[in-house]
Amino acid sequence: ALLSSGISSSGVGTLAGDVVLRGFLARRVPVHLRRLVTMTPA
């Protein structure tokens, strides 16, 4: 249950990050690069 929670929500989180960046700044960052940046603190 914990693993399913983490993996499924991480995909949703990446998608939300793309919507935020594209919406507020009208910019798109490759999803692979964005995932690399956002996973660094974790």
PDB file of all heavy atoms in Angstrom:
ATOM      1  N   ALA A   1       0.830  -1.206   0.000  1.00  0.00           N
ATOM      2  CA  ALA A   1       0.000   0.000   0.000  1.00  0.00           C
ATOM      3  C   ALA A   1       0.862   1.252   0.000  1.00  0.00           C
ATOM      4  O   ALA A   1       0.596   2.216  -0.736  1.00  0.00           O
ATOM      5  CB  ALA A   1      -0.932  -0.011   1.212  1.00  0.00           C
ATOM      6  N   LEU A   2       1.921   1.262   0.814  1.00  0.00           N
ATOM      7  CA  LEU A   2       2.801   2.424   0.891  1.00  0.00           C
ATOM      8  C   LEU A   2       3.545   2.631  -0.416  1.00  0.00           C
ATOM      9  O   LEU A   2       3.671   3.765  -0.904  1.00  0.00           O
ATOM     10  CB  LEU A   2       3.787   2.252   2.048  1.00  0.00           C
ATOM     11  CG  LEU A   2       4.716   3.432   2.341  1.00  0.00           C
ATOM     12  CD1 LEU A   2       3.907   4.680   2.673  1.00  0.00           C
ATOM     13  CD2 LEU A   2       5.646   3.083   3.503  1.00  0.00           C
ATOM     14  N   LEU A   3       4.035   1.557  -1.023  1.00  0.00           N
ATOM     15  CA  LEU A   3       4.742   1.671  -2.296  1.00  0.00           C
ATOM     16  C   LEU A   3       3.805   2.153  -3.404  1.00  0.00           C
ATOM     17  O   LEU A   3       4.173   3.023  -4.202  1.00  0.00           O
ATOM     18  CB  LEU A   3       5.353   0.314  -2.666  1.00  0.00           C
ATOM     19  CG  LEU A   3       6.127   0.255  -3.986  1.00  0.00           C
ATOM     20  CD1 LEU A   3       7.278   1.234  -3.979  1.00  0.00           C
ATOM     21  CD2 LEU A   3       6.624  -1.167  -4.254  1.00  0.00           C
ATOM     22  N   SER A   4       2.602   1.595  -3.467  1.00  0.00           N
ATOM     23  CA  SER A   4       1.622   2.032  -4.471  1.00  0.00           C
ATOM     24  C   SER A   4       1.295   3.502  -4.291  1.00  0.00           C
ATOM     25  O   SER A   4       1.170   4.254  -5.270  1.00  0.00           O
ATOM     26  CB  SER A   4       0.342   1.203  -4.349  1.00  0.00           C
ATOM     27  OG  SER A   4       0.604  -0.164  -4.524  1.00  0.00           O
ATOM     28  N   SER A   5       1.161   3.924  -3.037  1.00  0.00           N
ATOM     29  CA  SER A   5       0.876   5.324  -2.734  1.00  0.00           C
ATOM     30  C   SER A   5       1.990   6.227  -3.253  1.00  0.00           C
ATOM     31  O   SER A   5       1.732   7.248  -3.902  1.00  0.00           O
ATOM     32  CB  SER A   5       0.709   5.500  -1.223  1.00  0.00           C
ATOM     33  OG  SER A   5       0.654   6.848  -0.867  1.00  0.00           O
ATOM     34  N   GLY A   6       3.242   5.860  -2.983  1.00  0.00           N
ATOM     35  CA  GLY A   6       4.364   6.703  -3.380  1.00  0.00           C
ATOM     36  C   GLY A   6       4.543   6.791  -4.880  1.00  0.00           C
ATOM     37  O   GLY A   6       4.737   7.881  -5.438  1.00  0.00           O
ATOM     38  N   ILE A   7       4.477   5.652  -5.565  1.00  0.00           N
ATOM     39  CA  ILE A   7       4.733   5.649  -7.011  1.00  0.00           C
ATOM     40  C   ILE A   7       3.614   6.348  -7.776  1.00  0.00           C
ATOM     41  O   ILE A   7       3.866   7.180  -8.654  1.00  0.00           O
ATOM     42  CB  ILE A   7       4.905   4.201  -7.509  1.00  0.00           C
ATOM     43  CG1 ILE A   7       6.223   3.631  -7.000  1.00  0.00           C
ATOM     44  CG2 ILE A   7       4.862   4.146  -9.033  1.00  0.00           C
ATOM     45  CD1 ILE A   7       6.493   2.205  -7.415  1.00  0.00           C
ATOM     46  N   SER A   8       2.365   6.021  -7.457  1.00  0.00           N
ATOM     47  CA  SER A   8       1.252   6.630  -8.193  1.00  0.00           C
ATOM     48  C   SER A   8       1.176   8.130  -7.946  1.00  0.00           C
ATOM     49  O   SER A   8       0.957   8.919  -8.874  1.00  0.00           O
ATOM     50  CB  SER A   8      -0.069   5.966  -7.799  1.00  0.00           C
ATOM     51  OG  SER A   8      -0.302   6.070  -6.408  1.00  0.00           O
ATOM     52  N   SER A   9       1.374   8.563  -6.701  1.00  0.00           N
ATOM     53  CA  SER A   9       1.291   9.997  -6.406  1.00  0.00           C
ATOM     54  C   SER A   9       2.488  10.761  -6.957  1.00  0.00           C
ATOM     55  O   SER A   9       2.377  11.955  -7.259  1.00  0.00           O
ATOM     56  CB  SER A   9       1.179  10.223  -4.894  1.00  0.00           C
ATOM     57  OG  SER A   9       2.295   9.691  -4.213  1.00  0.00           O
ATOM     58  N   SER A  10       3.647  10.104  -7.122  1.00  0.00           N
ATOM     59  CA  SER A  10       4.789  10.804  -7.693  1.00  0.00           C
ATOM     60  C   SER A  10       4.557  11.130  -9.162  1.00  0.00           C
ATOM     61  O   SER A  10       4.971  12.189  -9.651  1.00  0.00           O
ATOM     62  CB  SER A  10       6.063   9.968  -7.535  1.00  0.00           C
ATOM     63  OG  SER A  10       6.001   8.781  -8.305  1.00  0.00           O
ATOM     64  N   GLY A  11       3.864  10.234  -9.881  1.00  0.00           N
ATOM     65  CA  GLY A  11       3.506  10.534 -11.261  1.00  0.00           C
ATOM     66  C   GLY A  11       2.547  11.706 -11.352  1.00  0.00           C
ATOM     67  O   GLY A  11       2.694  12.603 -12.199  1.00  0.00           O
ATOM     68  N   VAL A  12       1.561  11.721 -10.461  1.00  0.00           N
ATOM     69  CA  VAL A  12       0.602  12.826 -10.427  1.00  0.00           C
ATOM     70  C   VAL A  12       1.306  14.131 -10.056  1.00  0.00           C
ATOM     71  O   VAL A  12       1.013  15.195 -10.614  1.00  0.00           O
ATOM     72  CB  VAL A  12      -0.526  12.512  -9.424  1.00  0.00           C
ATOM     73  CG1 VAL A  12      -1.413  13.735  -9.201  1.00  0.00           C
ATOM     74  CG2 VAL A  12      -1.368  11.345  -9.917  1.00  0.00           C
ATOM     75  N   GLY A  13       2.258  14.060  -9.118  1.00  0.00           N
ATOM     76  CA  GLY A  13       2.994  15.253  -8.715  1.00  0.00           C
ATOM     77  C   GLY A  13       3.816  15.834  -9.842  1.00  0.00           C
ATOM     78  O   GLY A  13       3.885  17.065 -10.016  1.00  0.00           O
ATOM     79  N   THR A  14       4.457  14.983 -10.629  1.00  0.00           N
ATOM     80  CA  THR A  14       5.237  15.459 -11.770  1.00  0.00           C
ATOM     81  C   THR A  14       4.338  16.144 -12.786  1.00  0.00           C
ATOM     82  O   THR A  14       4.673  17.201 -13.334  1.00  0.00           O
ATOM     83  CB  THR A  14       5.971  14.288 -12.441  1.00  0.00           C
ATOM     84  OG1 THR A  14       6.849  13.683 -11.497  1.00  0.00           O
ATOM     85  CG2 THR A  14       6.801  14.764 -13.619  1.00  0.00           C
ATOM     86  N   LEU A  15       3.183  15.556 -13.043  1.00  0.00           N
ATOM     87  CA  LEU A  15       2.229  16.143 -13.977  1.00  0.00           C
ATOM     88  C   LEU A  15       1.741  17.501 -13.474  1.00  0.00           C
ATOM     89  O   LEU A  15       1.624  18.463 -14.246  1.00  0.00           O
ATOM     90  CB  LEU A  15       1.047  15.191 -14.155  1.00  0.00           C
ATOM     91  CG  LEU A  15       0.102  15.441 -15.324  1.00  0.00           C
ATOM     92  CD1 LEU A  15       0.850  15.422 -16.633  1.00  0.00           C
ATOM     93  CD2 LEU A  15      -0.997  14.393 -15.326  1.00  0.00           C
ATOM     94  N   ALA A  16       1.478  17.600 -12.176  1.00  0.00           N
ATOM     95  CA  ALA A  16       1.037  18.875 -11.597  1.00  0.00           C
ATOM     96  C   ALA A  16       2.130  19.934 -11.707  1.00  0.00           C
ATOM     97  O   ALA A  16       1.845  21.107 -11.982  1.00  0.00           O
ATOM     98  CB  ALA A  16       0.650  18.675 -10.135  1.00  0.00           C
ATOM     99  N   GLY A  17       3.377  19.539 -11.496  1.00  0.00           N
ATOM    100  CA  GLY A  17       4.481  20.482 -11.629  1.00  0.00           C
ATOM    101  C   GLY A  17       4.579  21.054 -13.031  1.00  0.00           C
ATOM    102  O   GLY A  17       4.865  22.245 -13.212  1.00  0.00           O
ATOM    103  N   ASP A  18       4.325  20.222 -14.032  1.00  0.00           N
ATOM    104  CA  ASP A  18       4.345  20.693 -15.415  1.00  0.00           C
ATOM    105  C   ASP A  18       3.229  21.692 -15.669  1.00  0.00           C
ATOM    106  O   ASP A  18       3.416  22.711 -16.345  1.00  0.00           O
ATOM    107  CB  ASP A  18       4.226  19.493 -16.358  1.00  0.00           C
ATOM    108  CG  ASP A  18       4.296  19.899 -17.819  1.00  0.00           C
ATOM    109  OD1 ASP A  18       5.307  20.511 -18.218  1.00  0.00           O
ATOM    110  OD2 ASP A  18       3.343  19.608 -18.572  1.00  0.00           O
ATOM    111  N   VAL A  19       2.033  21.414 -15.108  1.00  0.00           N
ATOM    112  CA  VAL A  19       0.895  22.332 -15.263  1.00  0.00           C
ATOM    113  C   VAL A  19       1.197  23.671 -14.598  1.00  0.00           C
ATOM    114  O   VAL A  19       0.891  24.741 -15.152  1.00  0.00           O
ATOM    115  CB  VAL A  19      -0.379  21.706 -14.659  1.00  0.00           C
ATOM    116  CG1 VAL A  19      -1.511  22.732 -14.576  1.00  0.00           C
ATOM    117  CG2 VAL A  19      -0.821  20.505 -15.482  1.00  0.00           C
ATOM    118  N   VAL A  20       1.814  23.647 -13.422  1.00  0.00           N
ATOM    119  CA  VAL A  20       2.150  24.876 -12.699  1.00  0.00           C
ATOM    120  C   VAL A  20       3.136  25.727 -13.488  1.00  0.00           C
ATOM    121  O   VAL A  20       2.934  26.934 -13.674  1.00  0.00           O
ATOM    122  CB  VAL A  20       2.726  24.522 -11.312  1.00  0.00           C
ATOM    123  CG1 VAL A  20       3.428  25.727 -10.690  1.00  0.00           C
ATOM    124  CG2 VAL A  20       1.620  24.035 -10.387  1.00  0.00           C
ATOM    125  N   LEU A  21       4.210  25.107 -13.966  1.00  0.00           N
ATOM    126  CA  LEU A  21       5.237  25.860 -14.684  1.00  0.00           C
ATOM    127  C   LEU A  21       4.705  26.390 -16.006  1.00  0.00           C
ATOM    128  O   LEU A  21       4.929  27.557 -16.361  1.00  0.00           O
ATOM    129  CB  LEU A  21       6.456  24.969 -14.923  1.00  0.00           C
ATOM    130  CG  LEU A  21       7.680  25.647 -15.528  1.00  0.00           C
ATOM    131  CD1 LEU A  21       8.220  26.707 -14.579  1.00  0.00           C
ATOM    132  CD2 LEU A  21       8.765  24.625 -15.843  1.00  0.00           C
ATOM    133  N   ARG A  22       4.000  25.559 -16.736  1.00  0.00           N
ATOM    134  CA  ARG A  22       3.479  25.969 -18.034  1.00  0.00           C
ATOM    135  C   ARG A  22       2.397  27.035 -17.879  1.00  0.00           C
ATOM    136  O   ARG A  22       2.291  27.950 -18.708  1.00  0.00           O
ATOM    137  CB  ARG A  22       2.914  24.738 -18.755  1.00  0.00           C
ATOM    138  CG  ARG A  22       2.387  24.981 -20.144  1.00  0.00           C
ATOM    139  CD  ARG A  22       2.404  23.710 -20.965  1.00  0.00           C
ATOM    140  NE  ARG A  22       2.018  22.549 -20.165  1.00  0.00           N
ATOM    141  CZ  ARG A  22       0.810  22.003 -20.184  1.00  0.00           C
ATOM    142  NH1 ARG A  22      -0.142  22.539 -20.920  1.00  0.00           N
ATOM    143  NH2 ARG A  22       0.546  20.931 -19.462  1.00  0.00           N
ATOM    144  N   GLY A  23       1.593  26.928 -16.816  1.00  0.00           N
ATOM    145  CA  GLY A  23       0.507  27.883 -16.637  1.00  0.00           C
ATOM    146  C   GLY A  23       0.969  29.232 -16.148  1.00  0.00           C
ATOM    147  O   GLY A  23       0.633  30.271 -16.734  1.00  0.00           O
ATOM    148  N   PHE A  24       1.773  29.262 -15.081  1.00  0.00           N
ATOM    149  CA  PHE A  24       2.202  30.534 -14.507  1.00  0.00           C
ATOM    150  C   PHE A  24       3.236  31.254 -15.367  1.00  0.00           C
ATOM    151  O   PHE A  24       3.214  32.482 -15.478  1.00  0.00           O
ATOM    152  CB  PHE A  24       2.790  30.309 -13.108  1.00  0.00           C
ATOM    153  CG  PHE A  24       1.753  30.113 -12.036  1.00  0.00           C
ATOM    154  CD1 PHE A  24       1.632  28.898 -11.378  1.00  0.00           C
ATOM    155  CD2 PHE A  24       0.887  31.139 -11.683  1.00  0.00           C
ATOM    156  CE1 PHE A  24       0.687  28.703 -10.384  1.00  0.00           C
ATOM    157  CE2 PHE A  24      -0.073  30.961 -10.694  1.00  0.00           C
ATOM    158  CZ  PHE A  24      -0.173  29.742 -10.049  1.00  0.00           C
ATOM    159  N   LEU A  25       4.152  30.516 -15.976  1.00  0.00           N
ATOM    160  CA  LEU A  25       5.272  31.139 -16.694  1.00  0.00           C
ATOM    161  C   LEU A  25       5.245  30.922 -18.202  1.00  0.00           C
ATOM    162  O   LEU A  25       6.108  31.449 -18.907  1.00  0.00           O
ATOM    163  CB  LEU A  25       6.602  30.604 -16.143  1.00  0.00           C
ATOM    164  CG  LEU A  25       6.866  30.828 -14.651  1.00  0.00           C
ATOM    165  CD1 LEU A  25       8.269  30.355 -14.296  1.00  0.00           C
ATOM    166  CD2 LEU A  25       6.681  32.288 -14.262  1.00  0.00           C
ATOM    167  N   ALA A  26       4.285  30.157 -18.696  1.00  0.00           N
ATOM    168  CA  ALA A  26       4.208  29.858 -20.131  1.00  0.00           C
ATOM    169  C   ALA A  26       5.490  29.203 -20.625  1.00  0.00           C
ATOM    170  O   ALA A  26       5.954  29.449 -21.737  1.00  0.00           O
ATOM    171  CB  ALA A  26       3.917  31.135 -20.935  1.00  0.00           C
ATOM    172  N   ARG A  27       6.070  28.353 -19.779  1.00  0.00           N
ATOM    173  CA  ARG A  27       7.292  27.642 -20.149  1.00  0.00           C
ATOM    174  C   ARG A  27       7.114  26.154 -19.892  1.00  0.00           C
ATOM    175  O   ARG A  27       6.400  25.759 -18.993  1.00  0.00           O
ATOM    176  CB  ARG A  27       8.499  28.146 -19.337  1.00  0.00           C
ATOM    177  CG  ARG A  27       8.836  29.604 -19.615  1.00  0.00           C
ATOM    178  CD  ARG A  27       9.991  30.037 -18.738  1.00  0.00           C
ATOM    179  NE  ARG A  27      10.305  31.449 -18.929  1.00  0.00           N
ATOM    180  CZ  ARG A  27      11.201  32.121 -18.213  1.00  0.00           C
ATOM    181  NH1 ARG A  27      11.859  31.495 -17.248  1.00  0.00           N
ATOM    182  NH2 ARG A  27      11.421  33.385 -18.459  1.00  0.00           N
ATOM    183  N   ARG A  28       7.813  25.379 -20.697  1.00  0.00           N
ATOM    184  CA  ARG A  28       7.792  23.930 -20.509  1.00  0.00           C
ATOM    185  C   ARG A  28       9.217  23.440 -20.322  1.00  0.00           C
ATOM    186  O   ARG A  28      10.112  23.815 -21.065  1.00  0.00           O
ATOM    187  CB  ARG A  28       7.153  23.221 -21.704  1.00  0.00           C
ATOM    188  CG  ARG A  28       5.703  23.594 -21.925  1.00  0.00           C
ATOM    189  CD  ARG A  28       4.990  22.579 -22.770  1.00  0.00           C
ATOM    190  NE  ARG A  28       4.795  21.321 -22.058  1.00  0.00           N
ATOM    191  CZ  ARG A  28       3.945  20.380 -22.448  1.00  0.00           C
ATOM    192  NH1 ARG A  28       3.222  20.548 -23.523  1.00  0.00           N
ATOM    193  NH2 ARG A  28       3.816  19.272 -21.760  1.00  0.00           N
ATOM    194  N   VAL A  29       9.396  22.626 -19.310  1.00  0.00           N
ATOM    195  CA  VAL A  29      10.688  22.004 -19.049  1.00  0.00           C
ATOM    196  C   VAL A  29      10.516  20.515 -19.298  1.00  0.00           C
ATOM    197  O   VAL A  29       9.497  19.934 -18.895  1.00  0.00           O
ATOM    198  CB  VAL A  29      11.125  22.257 -17.583  1.00  0.00           C
ATOM    199  CG1 VAL A  29      12.404  21.484 -17.270  1.00  0.00           C
ATOM    200  CG2 VAL A  29      11.346  23.748 -17.363  1.00  0.00           C
ATOM    201  N   PRO A  30      11.464  19.877 -20.000  1.00  0.00           N
ATOM    202  CA  PRO A  30      11.343  18.425 -20.207  1.00  0.00           C
ATOM    203  C   PRO A  30      11.046  17.709 -18.899  1.00  0.00           C
ATOM    204  O   PRO A  30      11.672  17.978 -17.870  1.00  0.00           O
ATOM    205  CB  PRO A  30      12.722  18.043 -20.759  1.00  0.00           C
ATOM    206  CG  PRO A  30      13.205  19.291 -21.434  1.00  0.00           C
ATOM    207  CD  PRO A  30      12.682  20.422 -20.598  1.00  0.00           C
ATOM    208  N   VAL A  31      10.059  16.817 -18.933  1.00  0.00           N
ATOM    209  CA  VAL A  31       9.594  16.191 -17.713  1.00  0.00           C
ATOM    210  C   VAL A  31      10.714  15.424 -17.010  1.00  0.00           C
ATOM    211  O   VAL A  31      10.763  15.358 -15.781  1.00  0.00           O
ATOM    212  CB  VAL A  31       8.393  15.262 -18.021  1.00  0.00           C
ATOM    213  CG1 VAL A  31       8.819  14.073 -18.839  1.00  0.00           C
ATOM    214  CG2 VAL A  31       7.698  14.829 -16.751  1.00  0.00           C
ATOM    215  N   HIS A  32      11.657  14.875 -17.776  1.00  0.00           N
ATOM    216  CA  HIS A  32      12.774  14.153 -17.175  1.00  0.00           C
ATOM    217  C   HIS A  32      13.661  15.093 -16.373  1.00  0.00           C
ATOM    218  O   HIS A  32      14.116  14.758 -15.272  1.00  0.00           O
ATOM    219  CB  HIS A  32      13.591  13.442 -18.254  1.00  0.00           C
ATOM    220  CG  HIS A  32      12.804  12.471 -19.065  1.00  0.00           C
ATOM    221  ND1 HIS A  32      11.992  12.875 -20.103  1.00  0.00           N
ATOM    222  CD2 HIS A  32      12.673  11.118 -18.977  1.00  0.00           C
ATOM    223  CE1 HIS A  32      11.409  11.812 -20.638  1.00  0.00           C
ATOM    224  NE2 HIS A  32      11.802  10.737 -19.976  1.00  0.00           N
ATOM    225  N   LEU A  33      13.903  16.300 -16.929  1.00  0.00           N
ATOM    226  CA  LEU A  33      14.721  17.277 -16.221  1.00  0.00           C
ATOM    227  C   LEU A  33      14.020  17.766 -14.967  1.00  0.00           C
ATOM    228  O   LEU A  33      14.634  17.913 -13.903  1.00  0.00           O
ATOM    229  CB  LEU A  33      15.047  18.455 -17.147  1.00  0.00           C
ATOM    230  CG  LEU A  33      15.847  19.609 -16.532  1.00  0.00           C
ATOM    231  CD1 LEU A  33      17.195  19.114 -16.026  1.00  0.00           C
ATOM    232  CD2 LEU A  33      16.039  20.732 -17.548  1.00  0.00           C
ATOM    233  N   ARG A  34      12.730  18.019 -15.085  1.00  0.00           N
ATOM    234  CA  ARG A  34      11.980  18.494 -13.921  1.00  0.00           C
ATOM    235  C   ARG A  34      11.969  17.441 -12.813  1.00  0.00           C
ATOM    236  O   ARG A  34      12.111  17.759 -11.641  1.00  0.00           O
ATOM    237  CB  ARG A  34      10.544  18.848 -14.318  1.00  0.00           C
ATOM    238  CG  ARG A  34       9.746  19.388 -13.137  1.00  0.00           C
ATOM    239  CD  ARG A  34       8.395  19.890 -13.514  1.00  0.00           C
ATOM    240  NE  ARG A  34       7.771  20.426 -12.308  1.00  0.00           N
ATOM    241  CZ  ARG A  34       7.886  21.665 -11.890  1.00  0.00           C
ATOM    242  NH1 ARG A  34       8.612  22.531 -12.592  1.00  0.00           N
ATOM    243  NH2 ARG A  34       7.308  22.076 -10.781  1.00  0.00           N
ATOM    244  N   ARG A  35      11.809  16.189 -13.189  1.00  0.00           N
ATOM    245  CA  ARG A  35      11.820  15.129 -12.192  1.00  0.00           C
ATOM    246  C   ARG A  35      13.180  15.033 -11.498  1.00  0.00           C
ATOM    247  O   ARG A  35      13.269  14.823 -10.291  1.00  0.00           O
ATOM    248  CB  ARG A  35      11.459  13.807 -12.868  1.00  0.00           C
ATOM    249  CG  ARG A  35      11.519  12.589 -11.974  1.00  0.00           C
ATOM    250  CD  ARG A  35      10.844  12.827 -10.652  1.00  0.00           C
ATOM    251  NE  ARG A  35       9.443  12.576 -10.645  1.00  0.00           N
ATOM    252  CZ  ARG A  35       8.615  13.066  -9.756  1.00  0.00           C
ATOM    253  NH1 ARG A  35       9.064  13.873  -8.809  1.00  0.00           N
ATOM    254  NH2 ARG A  35       7.338  12.806  -9.796  1.00  0.00           N
ATOM    255  N   LEU A  36      14.249  15.252 -12.257  1.00  0.00           N
ATOM    256  CA  LEU A  36      15.593  15.221 -11.674  1.00  0.00           C
ATOM    257  C   LEU A  36      15.762  16.318 -10.630  1.00  0.00           C
ATOM    258  O   LEU A  36      16.339  16.107  -9.560  1.00  0.00           O
ATOM    259  CB  LEU A  36      16.644  15.377 -12.771  1.00  0.00           C
ATOM    260  CG  LEU A  36      18.113  15.361 -12.326  1.00  0.00           C
ATOM    261  CD1 LEU A  36      18.458  14.014 -11.713  1.00  0.00           C
ATOM    262  CD2 LEU A  36      19.038  15.674 -13.504  1.00  0.00           C
ATOM    263  N   VAL A  37      15.223  17.507 -10.935  1.00  0.00           N
ATOM    264  CA  VAL A  37      15.350  18.644 -10.016  1.00  0.00           C
ATOM    265  C   VAL A  37      14.509  18.422  -8.762  1.00  0.00           C
ATOM    266  O   VAL A  37      14.977  18.616  -7.632  1.00  0.00           O
ATOM    267  CB  VAL A  37      14.936  19.955 -10.719  1.00  0.00           C
ATOM    268  CG1 VAL A  37      14.869  21.102  -9.721  1.00  0.00           C
ATOM    269  CG2 VAL A  37      15.916  20.290 -11.831  1.00  0.00           C
ATOM    270  N   THR A  38      13.262  17.990  -8.934  1.00  0.00           N
ATOM    271  CA  THR A  38      12.359  17.876  -7.791  1.00  0.00           C
ATOM    272  C   THR A  38      12.686  16.685  -6.891  1.00  0.00           C
ATOM    273  O   THR A  38      12.308  16.685  -5.714  1.00  0.00           O
ATOM    274  CB  THR A  38      10.895  17.756  -8.260  1.00  0.00           C
ATOM    275  OG1 THR A  38      10.775  16.649  -9.164  1.00  0.00           O
ATOM    276  CG2 THR A  38      10.456  19.022  -8.976  1.00  0.00           C
ATOM    277  N   MET A  39      13.392  15.687  -7.417  1.00  0.00           N
ATOM    278  CA  MET A  39      13.733  14.547  -6.589  1.00  0.00           C
ATOM    279  C   MET A  39      14.981  14.792  -5.749  1.00  0.00           C
ATOM    280  O   MET A  39      15.246  14.054  -4.807  1.00  0.00           O
ATOM    281  CB  MET A  39      13.933  13.295  -7.438  1.00  0.00           C
ATOM    282  CG  MET A  39      15.173  13.311  -8.307  1.00  0.00           C
ATOM    283  SD  MET A  39      15.345  11.813  -9.326  1.00  0.00           S
ATOM    284  CE  MET A  39      15.930  10.647  -8.111  1.00  0.00           C
ATOM    285  N   THR A  40      15.748  15.844  -6.079  1.00  0.00           N
ATOM    286  CA  THR A  40      17.013  16.103  -5.380  1.00  0.00           C
ATOM    287  C   THR A  40      16.839  16.283  -3.877  1.00  0.00           C
ATOM    288  O   THR A  40      17.569  15.679  -3.086  1.00  0.00           O
ATOM    289  CB  THR A  40      17.719  17.326  -5.994  1.00  0.00           C
ATOM    290  OG1 THR A  40      17.973  17.061  -7.384  1.00  0.00           O
ATOM    291  CG2 THR A  40      19.043  17.600  -5.288  1.00  0.00           C
ATOM    292  N   PRO A  41      15.895  17.138  -3.395  1.00  0.00           N
ATOM    293  CA  PRO A  41      15.730  17.271  -1.934  1.00  0.00           C
ATOM    294  C   PRO A  41      15.390  15.953  -1.253  1.00  0.00           C
ATOM    295  O   PRO A  41      15.900  15.670  -0.159  1.00  0.00           O
ATOM    296  CB  PRO A  41      14.572  18.286  -1.802  1.00  0.00           C
ATOM    297  CG  PRO A  41      14.584  19.045  -3.078  1.00  0.00           C
ATOM    298  CD  PRO A  41      14.996  18.057  -4.118  1.00  0.00           C
ATOM    299  N   ALA A  42      14.559  15.129  -1.885  1.00  0.00           N
ATOM    300  CA  ALA A  42      14.192  13.850  -1.287  1.00  0.00           C
ATOM    301  C   ALA A  42      15.396  12.916  -1.208  1.00  0.00           C
ATOM    302  O   ALA A  42      15.611  12.239  -0.194  1.00  0.00           O
ATOM    303  CB  ALA A  42      13.072  13.196  -2.100  1.00  0.00           C
TER     304      ALA A  42
END
